[in-house]
Protein backbone atom coordinates (compact mmCIF):
# COMPACT_ATOMS: atom_id res chain seq x y z
CA GLY A 1 0.00 0.00 0.00
CA LEU A 2 0.87 3.64 0.09
CA GLY A 3 2.30 5.49 3.06
CA ASN A 4 5.10 4.70 5.44
CA THR A 5 5.80 1.01 5.72
CA GLU A 6 8.49 -0.35 8.00
CA TYR A 7 9.80 -3.88 7.97
CA ARG A 8 11.91 -4.78 10.98
CA TRP A 9 13.85 -8.01 11.20
CA ASP A 10 15.69 -9.07 14.33
CA VAL A 11 17.68 -12.19 13.39
CA HIS A 12 19.80 -14.10 15.91
CA LEU A 13 22.42 -16.60 14.72
CA ASN A 14 24.29 -19.37 16.54
CA ASP A 15 27.59 -17.94 17.85
CA GLY A 16 29.21 -21.38 18.15
CA LEU A 17 28.89 -22.68 14.58
CA LEU A 18 31.43 -21.79 11.91
CA THR A 19 29.45 -19.36 9.74
CA ASP A 20 29.57 -17.62 6.38
CA VAL A 21 27.41 -14.50 6.43
CA VAL A 22 26.13 -13.14 3.10
CA ALA A 23 23.88 -10.09 3.29
CA LYS A 24 22.24 -8.18 0.46
CA VAL A 25 20.81 -4.97 1.87
CA GLY A 26 18.39 -3.24 -0.48
CA ALA A 27 17.04 0.06 0.77
CA GLY A 28 17.02 1.02 4.44
CA ASP A 29 19.18 0.69 7.52
CA ALA A 30 20.95 -2.43 8.76
CA ARG A 31 22.83 -3.06 12.00
CA MET A 32 24.92 -6.20 12.04
CA ASN A 33 26.56 -7.23 15.34
CA LEU A 34 28.79 -10.11 14.27
CA GLY A 35 31.77 -9.79 16.64
CA SER A 36 30.82 -12.70 18.89
CA MET A 37 30.31 -15.14 16.00
CA ASN A 38 32.64 -17.89 14.80
CA LEU A 39 33.05 -16.43 11.29
CA ARG A 40 34.59 -18.02 8.22
CA SER A 41 33.64 -15.15 5.89
CA VAL A 42 31.37 -12.12 5.59
CA GLU A 43 30.04 -10.61 2.37
CA LEU A 44 27.90 -7.47 2.35
CA ASN A 45 26.29 -6.06 -0.80
CA MET A 46 24.73 -2.67 -0.14
CA GLY A 47 21.85 -1.05 -1.96
CA ALA A 48 20.75 2.33 -0.65
CA GLY A 49 20.80 3.39 2.98
CA GLU A 50 22.99 3.01 6.03
CA VAL A 51 24.82 -0.10 7.25
CA ASN A 52 26.69 -0.53 10.56
CA MET A 53 28.70 -3.75 10.77
CA ASP A 54 30.31 -4.45 14.14
CA LEU A 55 33.04 -7.11 14.02
CA ARG A 56 34.58 -6.21 17.39
CA GLY A 57 35.17 -9.24 19.55
CA SER A 58 37.81 -11.92 20.08
CA PRO A 59 37.88 -14.08 16.95
CA LYS A 60 39.63 -17.44 17.27
CA ARG A 61 40.39 -17.82 13.55
CA SER A 62 41.21 -15.63 10.56
CA TYR A 63 38.46 -14.69 8.12
CA ASP A 64 37.68 -12.55 5.06
CA VAL A 65 35.22 -9.66 4.83
CA ARG A 66 34.03 -8.23 1.50
CA VAL A 67 31.90 -5.11 1.30
CA ASN A 68 30.45 -3.82 -1.96
CA GLY A 69 29.13 -0.32 -1.37
CA GLY A 70 25.94 1.07 -2.77
CA VAL A 71 24.38 4.47 -2.23
CA GLY A 72 24.65 5.73 1.33
CA GLU A 73 26.95 5.14 4.28
CA ALA A 74 28.67 2.03 5.60
CA THR A 75 30.54 1.88 8.90
CA ILE A 76 32.65 -1.17 9.74
CA TYR A 77 34.00 -1.58 13.28
CA LEU A 78 37.02 -3.86 13.69
CA PRO A 79 38.73 -5.24 16.81
CA ARG A 80 42.15 -3.87 17.75
CA THR A 81 43.32 -7.15 19.29
CA VAL A 82 43.90 -9.00 16.00
CA ALA A 83 45.83 -8.30 12.81
CA ILE A 84 43.89 -6.29 10.23
CA ASP A 85 44.74 -6.23 6.54
CA ALA A 86 42.30 -3.82 4.89
CA GLN A 87 42.02 -2.59 1.34
CA ALA A 88 39.46 0.02 0.34
CA LYS A 89 38.75 1.57 -3.02
CA GLY A 90 36.14 4.26 -3.34
CA GLY A 91 33.63 4.94 -6.01
CA ILE A 92 32.07 8.37 -5.71
CA GLY A 93 32.42 9.38 -2.09
CA GLU A 94 34.87 9.26 0.73
CA ILE A 95 36.63 6.51 2.64
CA ASP A 96 37.55 7.36 6.23
CA VAL A 97 39.88 4.95 8.08
CA ARG A 98 40.58 5.37 11.80
CA GLY A 99 42.77 3.30 14.12
CA LEU A 100 44.79 1.71 11.31
CA GLU A 101 48.05 2.69 9.64
CA GLN A 102 48.24 3.09 5.88
CA ARG A 103 50.98 1.15 4.08
CA GLY A 104 50.85 1.63 0.34
CA ASP A 105 47.30 0.82 -0.78
CA ARG A 106 46.47 -1.13 2.42
CA TRP A 107 45.69 -0.36 6.05
CA VAL A 108 47.06 -2.49 8.87
CA ASN A 109 46.89 -2.73 12.63
CA PRO A 110 50.60 -2.43 13.58
CA ALA A 111 49.86 -3.12 17.27
CA ALA A 112 48.66 -6.63 16.41
CA GLU A 113 50.78 -7.53 13.36
CA ASN A 114 52.06 -10.71 15.01
CA SER A 115 48.61 -11.93 15.99
CA PRO A 116 47.82 -15.50 14.82
CA VAL A 117 44.38 -14.19 13.74
CA THR A 118 43.91 -11.82 10.79
CA ILE A 119 40.78 -10.15 9.50
CA ARG A 120 41.21 -9.47 5.78
CA LEU A 121 38.87 -6.67 4.70
CA ASP A 122 38.19 -5.72 1.07
CA VAL A 123 35.88 -2.72 0.57
CA LYS A 124 34.71 -1.40 -2.77
CA GLY A 125 32.84 1.86 -2.32
CA GLY A 126 29.81 2.98 -4.26
CA VAL A 127 28.27 6.39 -3.93
CA GLY A 128 28.60 7.72 -0.40
CA GLN A 129 30.70 7.37 2.72
CA ILE A 130 32.67 4.29 3.87
CA ASN A 131 34.02 4.36 7.45
CA ILE A 132 36.49 1.76 8.73
CA ILE A 133 37.14 2.04 12.46
CA ALA A 134 39.48 -0.17 14.51
CA GLU A 135 38.82 0.24 18.23
């Protein structure tokens, strides 16, 4: 129908199982709190809107994260206690990286370079703002 329609999903996943998360966000806002999960990989394909992905936690194994930006703003929070190897290429918009050190075309967490666990992040921006925050 016409008017303001809101669809709200509150999905809980099993933190103990090894998991691949694939999310395709169309239009709207999404908040993904994945830091306590046992992740093998994460893939996020954005449409239009705002996405907050929180990966802060204490992962026990390395994993890959791929983000394909759309129109809007994406904020990705990363833990400081593990090695981070991030690459981000923007489309039309800005990429803001905080808490990581740039080395060539990559960002790393120098405080945790010798960690046995690495989060490998690959971000391709669309139209809008991409924020990568290690804290």
